[in-house]
C-alpha atoms as a PDB file:
ATOM      1  CA  MET A   1      73.530 188.470  73.892  1.00  0.00           C
ATOM      2  CA  GLU A   2      69.759 188.531  74.157  1.00  0.00           C
ATOM      3  CA  LEU A   3      67.890 189.261  77.362  1.00  0.00           C
ATOM      4  CA  TYR A   4      64.342 188.070  78.013  1.00  0.00           C
ATOM      5  CA  ILE A   5      62.352 189.321  80.981  1.00  0.00           C
ATOM      6  CA  LEU A   6      59.461 187.229  82.255  1.00  0.00           C
ATOM      7  CA  ARG A   7      57.130 188.257  85.044  1.00  0.00           C
ATOM      8  CA  HIS A   8      55.911 185.631  87.487  1.00  0.00           C
ATOM      9  CA  GLY A   9      52.629 183.859  86.835  1.00  0.00           C
ATOM     10  CA  LYS A  10      49.318 184.683  88.490  1.00  0.00           C
ATOM     11  CA  ALA A  11      49.759 184.491  92.249  1.00  0.00           C
ATOM     12  CA  GLN A  12      47.414 184.164  95.205  1.00  0.00           C
ATOM     13  CA  GLU A  13      45.454 187.286  96.037  1.00  0.00           C
ATOM     14  CA  HIS A  14      46.857 189.587  98.685  1.00  0.00           C
ATOM     15  CA  THR A  15      44.419 189.664 101.618  1.00  0.00           C
ATOM     16  CA  GLN A  16      44.489 191.145 105.104  1.00  0.00           C
ATOM     17  CA  ASN A  17      44.781 187.653 106.603  1.00  0.00           C
ATOM     18  CA  PHE A  18      47.744 186.748 104.416  1.00  0.00           C
ATOM     19  CA  ALA A  19      51.113 186.433 106.201  1.00  0.00           C
ATOM     20  CA  GLY A  20      53.023 188.550 103.704  1.00  0.00           C
ATOM     21  CA  ASP A  21      53.532 189.391 100.072  1.00  0.00           C
ATOM     22  CA  SER A  22      56.759 187.389  99.795  1.00  0.00           C
ATOM     23  CA  LYS A  23      54.935 184.172 100.736  1.00  0.00           C
ATOM     24  CA  ARG A  24      52.281 184.307  97.997  1.00  0.00           C
ATOM     25  CA  GLU A  25      52.458 181.247  95.725  1.00  0.00           C
ATOM     26  CA  LEU A  26      51.387 180.765  92.132  1.00  0.00           C
ATOM     27  CA  THR A  27      47.787 179.751  91.545  1.00  0.00           C
ATOM     28  CA  GLU A  28      46.938 176.711  89.419  1.00  0.00           C
ATOM     29  CA  VAL A  29      46.001 179.119  86.610  1.00  0.00           C
ATOM     30  CA  GLY A  30      49.386 180.821  86.947  1.00  0.00           C
ATOM     31  CA  LYS A  31      51.198 177.466  86.776  1.00  0.00           C
ATOM     32  CA  LYS A  32      49.258 176.418  83.651  1.00  0.00           C
ATOM     33  CA  GLU A  33      49.956 179.749  81.940  1.00  0.00           C
ATOM     34  CA  LEU A  34      53.672 179.394  82.655  1.00  0.00           C
ATOM     35  CA  CYS A  35      53.723 175.850  81.283  1.00  0.00           C
ATOM     36  CA  CYS A  36      52.333 177.231  78.007  1.00  0.00           C
ATOM     37  CA  ILE A  37      54.933 180.015  77.976  1.00  0.00           C
ATOM     38  CA  ALA A  38      57.734 177.536  78.719  1.00  0.00           C
ATOM     39  CA  LYS A  39      56.592 175.281  75.866  1.00  0.00           C
ATOM     40  CA  ALA A  40      56.583 178.292  73.530  1.00  0.00           C
ATOM     41  CA  ILE A  41      60.142 179.153  74.593  1.00  0.00           C
ATOM     42  CA  LYS A  42      61.174 175.582  73.830  1.00  0.00           C
ATOM     43  CA  ASN A  43      59.343 175.548  70.468  1.00  0.00           C
ATOM     44  CA  LEU A  44      61.045 178.814  69.477  1.00  0.00           C
ATOM     45  CA  GLU A  45      64.372 177.107  70.240  1.00  0.00           C
ATOM     46  CA  ILE A  46      65.452 179.888  72.565  1.00  0.00           C
ATOM     47  CA  ASP A  47      68.589 178.865  74.437  1.00  0.00           C
ATOM     48  CA  VAL A  48      68.280 179.576  78.138  1.00  0.00           C
ATOM     49  CA  ASP A  49      71.748 180.198  79.542  1.00  0.00           C
ATOM     50  CA  ASP A  50      70.833 181.609  82.936  1.00  0.00           C
ATOM     51  CA  ILE A  51      67.743 182.377  84.963  1.00  0.00           C
ATOM     52  CA  ILE A  52      67.806 185.144  87.533  1.00  0.00           C
ATOM     53  CA  SER A  53      64.957 185.213  90.040  1.00  0.00           C
ATOM     54  CA  SER A  54      64.009 187.189  93.087  1.00  0.00           C
ATOM     55  CA  PRO A  55      63.718 185.169  96.319  1.00  0.00           C
ATOM     56  CA  LEU A  56      59.915 185.575  96.392  1.00  0.00           C
ATOM     57  CA  ILE A  57      58.146 182.203  96.335  1.00  0.00           C
ATOM     58  CA  ARG A  58      56.098 182.986  93.218  1.00  0.00           C
ATOM     59  CA  ALA A  59      59.210 184.117  91.330  1.00  0.00           C
ATOM     60  CA  LYS A  60      61.141 180.972  92.311  1.00  0.00           C
ATOM     61  CA  GLN A  61      58.192 178.792  91.260  1.00  0.00           C
ATOM     62  CA  THR A  62      58.107 180.601  87.910  1.00  0.00           C
ATOM     63  CA  ALA A  63      61.825 179.994  87.336  1.00  0.00           C
ATOM     64  CA  GLU A  64      61.496 176.317  88.292  1.00  0.00           C
ATOM     65  CA  ILE A  65      58.655 175.781  85.801  1.00  0.00           C
ATOM     66  CA  ILE A  66      60.652 177.384  82.990  1.00  0.00           C
ATOM     67  CA  ILE A  67      63.760 175.298  83.754  1.00  0.00           C
ATOM     68  CA  LYS A  68      61.713 172.094  83.907  1.00  0.00           C
ATOM     69  CA  HIS A  69      60.112 172.627  80.501  1.00  0.00           C
ATOM     70  CA  VAL A  70      63.145 173.870  78.591  1.00  0.00           C
ATOM     71  CA  LYS A  71      65.208 171.032  80.094  1.00  0.00           C
ATOM     72  CA  SER A  72      67.928 173.377  81.218  1.00  0.00           C
ATOM     73  CA  LYS A  73      70.520 172.115  83.664  1.00  0.00           C
ATOM     74  CA  LYS A  74      71.265 175.689  84.650  1.00  0.00           C
ATOM     75  CA  LYS A  75      70.645 176.815  88.178  1.00  0.00           C
ATOM     76  CA  ILE A  76      68.467 179.670  89.288  1.00  0.00           C
ATOM     77  CA  HIS A  77      70.436 182.684  90.497  1.00  0.00           C
ATOM     78  CA  GLN A  78      68.942 184.586  93.427  1.00  0.00           C
ATOM     79  CA  ASN A  79      69.951 187.311  95.857  1.00  0.00           C
ATOM     80  CA  LEU A  80      72.299 189.043  93.450  1.00  0.00           C
ATOM     81  CA  GLU A  81      73.709 191.857  95.529  1.00  0.00           C
END
């Protein structure tokens, strides 16, 4: 078994006016970077069996981008307690 750990893409800046850290979304730059990473994963023919993500919006968006590009039918696992 091989385990790959991927951090979420670039997210919105944390400001005093922002509602909370868990609500920060990926920026357009972050989304583009993740598309490149996802394409590299596909080109390296890495089989993605499962994706585990935190419930934070930016982490879920990251997982969704990876699944979309590697054409995985696997679901994203969250809230693993």
